[in-house]
PDB file of all heavy atoms in Angstrom:
ATOM      1  N   PHE A   1      -4.147  -7.456  -4.676  1.00  0.00           N
ATOM      2  CA  PHE A   1      -4.309  -5.930  -4.550  1.00  0.00           C
ATOM      3  C   PHE A   1      -5.751  -5.687  -4.934  1.00  0.00           C
ATOM      4  O   PHE A   1      -6.275  -6.100  -6.013  1.00  0.00           O
ATOM      5  CB  PHE A   1      -3.441  -5.243  -5.605  1.00  0.00           C
ATOM      6  CG  PHE A   1      -2.092  -4.853  -5.066  1.00  0.00           C
ATOM      7  CD1 PHE A   1      -1.469  -5.662  -4.160  1.00  0.00           C
ATOM      8  CD2 PHE A   1      -1.512  -3.662  -5.478  1.00  0.00           C
ATOM      9  CE1 PHE A   1      -0.161  -5.309  -3.630  1.00  0.00           C
ATOM     10  CE2 PHE A   1      -0.193  -3.260  -4.970  1.00  0.00           C
ATOM     11  CZ  PHE A   1       0.385  -4.046  -4.066  1.00  0.00           C
ATOM     12  N   SER A   2      -6.472  -5.057  -4.045  1.00  0.00           N
ATOM     13  CA  SER A   2      -7.761  -4.437  -4.466  1.00  0.00           C
ATOM     14  C   SER A   2      -7.488  -3.256  -5.317  1.00  0.00           C
ATOM     15  O   SER A   2      -6.388  -2.716  -5.402  1.00  0.00           O
ATOM     16  CB  SER A   2      -8.501  -3.996  -3.116  1.00  0.00           C
ATOM     17  OG  SER A   2      -8.035  -2.840  -2.640  1.00  0.00           O
ATOM     18  N   ARG A   3      -8.547  -2.873  -6.058  1.00  0.00           N
ATOM     19  CA  ARG A   3      -8.410  -1.787  -7.081  1.00  0.00           C
ATOM     20  C   ARG A   3      -8.840  -0.388  -6.485  1.00  0.00           C
ATOM     21  O   ARG A   3      -8.842   0.582  -7.258  1.00  0.00           O
ATOM     22  CB  ARG A   3      -9.215  -2.144  -8.311  1.00  0.00           C
ATOM     23  CG  ARG A   3      -8.656  -3.324  -9.037  1.00  0.00           C
ATOM     24  CD  ARG A   3      -9.373  -3.458 -10.382  1.00  0.00           C
ATOM     25  NE  ARG A   3      -8.852  -4.569 -11.117  1.00  0.00           N
ATOM     26  CZ  ARG A   3      -9.266  -5.043 -12.342  1.00  0.00           C
ATOM     27  NH1 ARG A   3     -10.241  -4.358 -12.858  1.00  0.00           N
ATOM     28  NH2 ARG A   3      -8.826  -6.045 -12.879  1.00  0.00           N
ATOM     29  N   GLY A   4      -9.089  -0.384  -5.190  1.00  0.00           N
ATOM     30  CA  GLY A   4      -9.588   0.904  -4.555  1.00  0.00           C
ATOM     31  C   GLY A   4      -8.655   2.085  -4.728  1.00  0.00           C
ATOM     32  O   GLY A   4      -9.017   3.106  -5.106  1.00  0.00           O
ATOM     33  N   GLY A   5      -7.348   1.895  -4.486  1.00  0.00           N
ATOM     34  CA  GLY A   5      -6.404   2.901  -4.539  1.00  0.00           C
ATOM     35  C   GLY A   5      -6.166   3.404  -6.062  1.00  0.00           C
ATOM     36  O   GLY A   5      -6.155   4.567  -6.340  1.00  0.00           O
ATOM     37  N   ALA A   6      -6.128   2.458  -6.959  1.00  0.00           N
ATOM     38  CA  ALA A   6      -6.040   2.845  -8.328  1.00  0.00           C
ATOM     39  C   ALA A   6      -7.349   3.481  -8.883  1.00  0.00           C
ATOM     40  O   ALA A   6      -7.207   4.455  -9.665  1.00  0.00           O
ATOM     41  CB  ALA A   6      -5.749   1.530  -9.225  1.00  0.00           C
ATOM     42  N   THR A   7      -8.447   2.992  -8.387  1.00  0.00           N
ATOM     43  CA  THR A   7      -9.731   3.647  -8.748  1.00  0.00           C
ATOM     44  C   THR A   7      -9.797   5.122  -8.299  1.00  0.00           C
ATOM     45  O   THR A   7     -10.179   6.034  -9.150  1.00  0.00           O
ATOM     46  CB  THR A   7     -10.932   2.891  -8.241  1.00  0.00           C
ATOM     47  OG1 THR A   7     -10.920   1.582  -8.675  1.00  0.00           O
ATOM     48  CG2 THR A   7     -12.223   3.557  -8.702  1.00  0.00           C
ATOM     49  N   LEU A   8      -9.356   5.371  -7.060  1.00  0.00           N
ATOM     50  CA  LEU A   8      -9.381   6.718  -6.500  1.00  0.00           C
ATOM     51  C   LEU A   8      -8.410   7.660  -7.285  1.00  0.00           C
ATOM     52  O   LEU A   8      -8.709   8.715  -7.617  1.00  0.00           O
ATOM     53  CB  LEU A   8      -8.969   6.647  -5.009  1.00  0.00           C
ATOM     54  CG  LEU A   8      -8.708   8.072  -4.419  1.00  0.00           C
ATOM     55  CD1 LEU A   8      -9.984   8.920  -4.514  1.00  0.00           C
ATOM     56  CD2 LEU A   8      -8.404   7.882  -2.914  1.00  0.00           C
ATOM     57  N   ALA A   9      -7.205   7.084  -7.539  1.00  0.00           N
ATOM     58  CA  ALA A   9      -6.178   7.864  -8.272  1.00  0.00           C
ATOM     59  C   ALA A   9      -6.697   8.262  -9.658  1.00  0.00           C
ATOM     60  O   ALA A   9      -6.518   9.462 -10.090  1.00  0.00           O
ATOM     61  CB  ALA A   9      -4.900   7.109  -8.360  1.00  0.00           C
ATOM     62  N   CYS A  10      -7.320   7.309 -10.375  1.00  0.00           N
ATOM     63  CA  CYS A  10      -7.932   7.621 -11.728  1.00  0.00           C
ATOM     64  C   CYS A  10      -8.900   8.565 -11.706  1.00  0.00           C
ATOM     65  O   CYS A  10      -9.064   9.525 -12.427  1.00  0.00           O
ATOM     66  CB  CYS A  10      -8.334   6.296 -12.339  1.00  0.00           C
ATOM     67  SG  CYS A  10      -6.857   5.242 -12.889  1.00  0.00           S
ATOM     68  N   ALA A  11      -9.843   8.456 -10.642  1.00  0.00           N
ATOM     69  CA  ALA A  11     -10.963   9.404 -10.517  1.00  0.00           C
ATOM     70  C   ALA A  11     -10.624  10.749 -10.192  1.00  0.00           C
ATOM     71  O   ALA A  11     -11.250  11.699 -10.632  1.00  0.00           O
ATOM     72  CB  ALA A  11     -11.944   8.668  -9.419  1.00  0.00           C
ATOM     73  N   ALA A  12      -9.607  10.852  -9.372  1.00  0.00           N
ATOM     74  CA  ALA A  12      -9.086  12.169  -9.003  1.00  0.00           C
ATOM     75  C   ALA A  12      -8.053  12.894  -9.843  1.00  0.00           C
ATOM     76  O   ALA A  12      -7.741  13.932  -9.718  1.00  0.00           O
ATOM     77  CB  ALA A  12      -8.477  12.087  -7.450  1.00  0.00           C
ATOM     78  N   GLY A  13      -7.503  12.000 -10.793  1.00  0.00           N
ATOM     79  CA  GLY A  13      -6.465  12.507 -11.739  1.00  0.00           C
ATOM     80  C   GLY A  13      -5.159  12.713 -11.036  1.00  0.00           C
ATOM     81  O   GLY A  13      -4.534  13.670 -11.416  1.00  0.00           O
ATOM     82  N   VAL A  14      -4.828  11.929 -10.010  1.00  0.00           N
ATOM     83  CA  VAL A  14      -3.596  12.157  -9.300  1.00  0.00           C
ATOM     84  C   VAL A  14      -2.767  10.852  -9.391  1.00  0.00           C
ATOM     85  O   VAL A  14      -3.343   9.737  -9.614  1.00  0.00           O
ATOM     86  CB  VAL A  14      -3.848  12.471  -7.848  1.00  0.00           C
ATOM     87  CG1 VAL A  14      -4.572  13.794  -7.740  1.00  0.00           C
ATOM     88  CG2 VAL A  14      -4.520  11.268  -7.069  1.00  0.00           C
ATOM     89  N   PRO A  15      -1.415  10.997  -9.316  1.00  0.00           N
ATOM     90  CA  PRO A  15      -0.643   9.755  -9.309  1.00  0.00           C
ATOM     91  C   PRO A  15      -0.618   8.928  -8.028  1.00  0.00           C
ATOM     92  O   PRO A  15      -1.242   9.325  -6.975  1.00  0.00           O
ATOM     93  CB  PRO A  15       0.803  10.188  -9.494  1.00  0.00           C
ATOM     94  CG  PRO A  15       0.774  11.698  -8.914  1.00  0.00           C
ATOM     95  CD  PRO A  15      -0.606  12.198  -9.090  1.00  0.00           C
ATOM     96  N   VAL A  16      -0.112   7.685  -8.129  1.00  0.00           N
ATOM     97  CA  VAL A  16      -0.013   6.841  -6.926  1.00  0.00           C
ATOM     98  C   VAL A  16       1.467   6.812  -6.549  1.00  0.00           C
ATOM     99  O   VAL A  16       2.424   6.741  -7.458  1.00  0.00           O
ATOM    100  CB  VAL A  16      -0.437   5.353  -7.300  1.00  0.00           C
ATOM    101  CG1 VAL A  16       0.080   4.384  -6.191  1.00  0.00           C
ATOM    102  CG2 VAL A  16      -1.882   5.324  -7.466  1.00  0.00           C
ATOM    103  N   LEU A  17       1.765   7.010  -5.291  1.00  0.00           N
ATOM    104  CA  LEU A  17       3.128   6.912  -4.747  1.00  0.00           C
ATOM    105  C   LEU A  17       3.301   5.509  -4.125  1.00  0.00           C
ATOM    106  O   LEU A  17       2.746   5.221  -3.067  1.00  0.00           O
ATOM    107  CB  LEU A  17       3.254   7.947  -3.736  1.00  0.00           C
ATOM    108  CG  LEU A  17       4.769   8.066  -3.157  1.00  0.00           C
ATOM    109  CD1 LEU A  17       5.760   8.556  -4.228  1.00  0.00           C
ATOM    110  CD2 LEU A  17       4.873   8.954  -1.937  1.00  0.00           C
ATOM    111  N   PRO A  18       4.063   4.572  -4.743  1.00  0.00           N
ATOM    112  CA  PRO A  18       4.258   3.235  -4.322  1.00  0.00           C
ATOM    113  C   PRO A  18       5.369   3.156  -3.231  1.00  0.00           C
ATOM    114  O   PRO A  18       6.352   3.747  -3.302  1.00  0.00           O
ATOM    115  CB  PRO A  18       4.547   2.388  -5.550  1.00  0.00           C
ATOM    116  CG  PRO A  18       5.346   3.410  -6.355  1.00  0.00           C
ATOM    117  CD  PRO A  18       4.714   4.801  -6.103  1.00  0.00           C
ATOM    118  N   ILE A  19       5.060   2.376  -2.149  1.00  0.00           N
ATOM    119  CA  ILE A  19       6.023   2.268  -1.104  1.00  0.00           C
ATOM    120  C   ILE A  19       6.156   0.722  -0.717  1.00  0.00           C
ATOM    121  O   ILE A  19       5.204   0.019  -0.478  1.00  0.00           O
ATOM    122  CB  ILE A  19       5.672   3.038   0.173  1.00  0.00           C
ATOM    123  CG1 ILE A  19       5.521   4.573  -0.201  1.00  0.00           C
ATOM    124  CG2 ILE A  19       6.617   2.806   1.305  1.00  0.00           C
ATOM    125  CD1 ILE A  19       5.234   5.411   1.015  1.00  0.00           C
ATOM    126  N   ALA A  20       7.477   0.286  -0.698  1.00  0.00           N
ATOM    127  CA  ALA A  20       7.674  -1.149  -0.277  1.00  0.00           C
ATOM    128  C   ALA A  20       8.544  -1.020   1.002  1.00  0.00           C
ATOM    129  O   ALA A  20       9.192  -0.057   1.241  1.00  0.00           O
ATOM    130  CB  ALA A  20       8.391  -1.872  -1.413  1.00  0.00           C
ATOM    131  N   HIS A  21       8.550  -2.143   1.735  1.00  0.00           N
ATOM    132  CA  HIS A  21       9.377  -2.210   2.943  1.00  0.00           C
ATOM    133  C   HIS A  21       9.477  -3.569   3.450  1.00  0.00           C
ATOM    134  O   HIS A  21       8.705  -4.541   3.037  1.00  0.00           O
ATOM    135  CB  HIS A  21       8.876  -1.304   4.001  1.00  0.00           C
ATOM    136  CG  HIS A  21       7.440  -1.591   4.423  1.00  0.00           C
ATOM    137  ND1 HIS A  21       7.107  -2.700   5.403  1.00  0.00           N
ATOM    138  CD2 HIS A  21       6.193  -1.174   4.011  1.00  0.00           C
ATOM    139  CE1 HIS A  21       5.847  -2.837   5.504  1.00  0.00           C
ATOM    140  NE2 HIS A  21       5.226  -1.976   4.644  1.00  0.00           N
ATOM    141  N   ASN A  22      10.402  -3.848   4.358  1.00  0.00           N
ATOM    142  CA  ASN A  22      10.468  -5.232   5.056  1.00  0.00           C
ATOM    143  C   ASN A  22      10.274  -5.181   6.486  1.00  0.00           C
ATOM    144  O   ASN A  22      11.041  -5.777   7.328  1.00  0.00           O
ATOM    145  CB  ASN A  22      11.838  -5.753   4.714  1.00  0.00           C
ATOM    146  CG  ASN A  22      13.071  -4.921   5.165  1.00  0.00           C
ATOM    147  OD1 ASN A  22      12.791  -3.798   5.576  1.00  0.00           O
ATOM    148  ND2 ASN A  22      14.229  -5.412   5.038  1.00  0.00           N
ATOM    149  N   ALA A  23       9.248  -4.447   6.926  1.00  0.00           N
ATOM    150  CA  ALA A  23       9.048  -4.236   8.342  1.00  0.00           C
ATOM    151  C   ALA A  23       8.861  -5.549   9.138  1.00  0.00           C
ATOM    152  O   ALA A  23       9.185  -5.680  10.374  1.00  0.00           O
ATOM    153  CB  ALA A  23       7.714  -3.363   8.571  1.00  0.00           C
ATOM    154  N   ALA A  24       8.325  -6.551   8.489  1.00  0.00           N
ATOM    155  CA  ALA A  24       8.093  -7.777   9.152  1.00  0.00           C
ATOM    156  C   ALA A  24       9.333  -8.568   9.625  1.00  0.00           C
ATOM    157  O   ALA A  24       9.292  -9.425  10.435  1.00  0.00           O
ATOM    158  CB  ALA A  24       7.277  -8.752   8.338  1.00  0.00           C
ATOM    159  N   THR A  25      10.554  -8.142   9.097  1.00  0.00           N
ATOM    160  CA  THR A  25      11.755  -8.736   9.657  1.00  0.00           C
ATOM    161  C   THR A  25      12.002  -8.305  11.077  1.00  0.00           C
ATOM    162  O   THR A  25      12.696  -9.043  11.788  1.00  0.00           O
ATOM    163  CB  THR A  25      12.877  -8.283   8.699  1.00  0.00           C
ATOM    164  OG1 THR A  25      13.060  -6.874   8.712  1.00  0.00           O
ATOM    165  CG2 THR A  25      12.843  -8.730   7.351  1.00  0.00           C
ATOM    166  N   CYS A  26      11.541  -7.193  11.434  1.00  0.00           N
ATOM    167  CA  CYS A  26      11.714  -6.714  12.821  1.00  0.00           C
ATOM    168  C   CYS A  26      10.387  -6.672  13.636  1.00  0.00           C
ATOM    169  O   CYS A  26      10.401  -6.893  14.863  1.00  0.00           O
ATOM    170  CB  CYS A  26      12.275  -5.343  12.826  1.00  0.00           C
ATOM    171  SG  CYS A  26      13.925  -5.050  12.097  1.00  0.00           S
ATOM    172  N   TRP A  27       9.289  -6.520  12.871  1.00  0.00           N
ATOM    173  CA  TRP A  27       7.939  -6.379  13.515  1.00  0.00           C
ATOM    174  C   TRP A  27       7.102  -7.473  12.879  1.00  0.00           C
ATOM    175  O   TRP A  27       6.282  -7.160  11.973  1.00  0.00           O
ATOM    176  CB  TRP A  27       7.376  -5.029  13.371  1.00  0.00           C
ATOM    177  CG  TRP A  27       6.299  -4.560  14.105  1.00  0.00           C
ATOM    178  CD1 TRP A  27       5.086  -5.331  14.300  1.00  0.00           C
ATOM    179  CD2 TRP A  27       6.095  -3.444  14.890  1.00  0.00           C
ATOM    180  NE1 TRP A  27       4.255  -4.619  15.034  1.00  0.00           N
ATOM    181  CE2 TRP A  27       4.859  -3.489  15.487  1.00  0.00           C
ATOM    182  CE3 TRP A  27       6.908  -2.341  15.201  1.00  0.00           C
ATOM    183  CZ2 TRP A  27       4.355  -2.475  16.308  1.00  0.00           C
ATOM    184  CZ3 TRP A  27       6.535  -1.286  15.991  1.00  0.00           C
ATOM    185  CH2 TRP A  27       5.207  -1.311  16.592  1.00  0.00           C
ATOM    186  N   PRO A  28       7.263  -8.747  13.242  1.00  0.00           N
ATOM    187  CA  PRO A  28       6.641  -9.929  12.495  1.00  0.00           C
ATOM    188  C   PRO A  28       5.070  -9.751  12.541  1.00  0.00           C
ATOM    189  O   PRO A  28       4.470  -9.145  13.440  1.00  0.00           O
ATOM    190  CB  PRO A  28       7.053 -11.113  13.257  1.00  0.00           C
ATOM    191  CG  PRO A  28       8.421 -10.665  13.909  1.00  0.00           C
ATOM    192  CD  PRO A  28       8.123  -9.218  14.227  1.00  0.00           C
ATOM    193  N   THR A  29       4.463 -10.276  11.468  1.00  0.00           N
ATOM    194  CA  THR A  29       3.026 -10.329  11.391  1.00  0.00           C
ATOM    195  C   THR A  29       2.428 -11.249  12.382  1.00  0.00           C
ATOM    196  O   THR A  29       2.898 -12.334  12.657  1.00  0.00           O
ATOM    197  CB  THR A  29       2.569 -10.847   9.909  1.00  0.00           C
ATOM    198  OG1 THR A  29       3.356 -10.081   8.948  1.00  0.00           O
ATOM    199  CG2 THR A  29       1.064 -10.659   9.688  1.00  0.00           C
ATOM    200  N   HIS A  30       1.330 -10.721  13.005  1.00  0.00           N
ATOM    201  CA  HIS A  30       0.530 -11.544  13.937  1.00  0.00           C
ATOM    202  C   HIS A  30       1.320 -12.137  15.149  1.00  0.00           C
ATOM    203  O   HIS A  30       1.001 -13.216  15.667  1.00  0.00           O
ATOM    204  CB  HIS A  30      -0.180 -12.692  13.213  1.00  0.00           C
ATOM    205  CG  HIS A  30      -1.023 -12.251  11.967  1.00  0.00           C
ATOM    206  ND1 HIS A  30      -1.965 -11.243  12.044  1.00  0.00           N
ATOM    207  CD2 HIS A  30      -0.946 -12.609  10.686  1.00  0.00           C
ATOM    208  CE1 HIS A  30      -2.536 -11.102  10.827  1.00  0.00           C
ATOM    209  NE2 HIS A  30      -1.904 -11.880  10.086  1.00  0.00           N
ATOM    210  N   THR A  31       2.254 -11.405  15.695  1.00  0.00           N
ATOM    211  CA  THR A  31       2.896 -11.792  16.890  1.00  0.00           C
ATOM    212  C   THR A  31       3.372 -10.515  17.663  1.00  0.00           C
ATOM    213  O   THR A  31       3.521  -9.500  17.101  1.00  0.00           O
ATOM    214  CB  THR A  31       4.078 -12.783  16.516  1.00  0.00           C
ATOM    215  OG1 THR A  31       4.783 -13.056  17.768  1.00  0.00           O
ATOM    216  CG2 THR A  31       5.163 -11.961  15.739  1.00  0.00           C
ATOM    217  N   TRP A  32       3.564 -10.701  19.003  1.00  0.00           N
ATOM    218  CA  TRP A  32       3.929  -9.571  19.812  1.00  0.00           C
ATOM    219  C   TRP A  32       5.375  -9.286  19.714  1.00  0.00           C
ATOM    220  O   TRP A  32       5.847  -8.094  20.069  1.00  0.00           O
ATOM    221  CB  TRP A  32       3.427  -9.695  21.196  1.00  0.00           C
ATOM    222  CG  TRP A  32       4.110 -10.866  21.894  1.00  0.00           C
ATOM    223  CD1 TRP A  32       3.731 -12.127  21.776  1.00  0.00           C
ATOM    224  CD2 TRP A  32       5.178 -10.772  22.745  1.00  0.00           C
ATOM    225  NE1 TRP A  32       4.616 -12.937  22.536  1.00  0.00           N
ATOM    226  CE2 TRP A  32       5.486 -12.039  23.126  1.00  0.00           C
ATOM    227  CE3 TRP A  32       5.992  -9.745  23.230  1.00  0.00           C
ATOM    228  CZ2 TRP A  32       6.514 -12.466  24.022  1.00  0.00           C
ATOM    229  CZ3 TRP A  32       7.056 -10.012  23.976  1.00  0.00           C
ATOM    230  CH2 TRP A  32       7.343 -11.329  24.486  1.00  0.00           C
TER     231      TRP A  32
END
């Protein structure tokens, strides 16, 4: 994880909304 998102959230004083998913099970990485 880069810290860009956390840095922006801290600088702006807003929370982070975390999102997880398993998209690669249907839409695999680096393949058509």
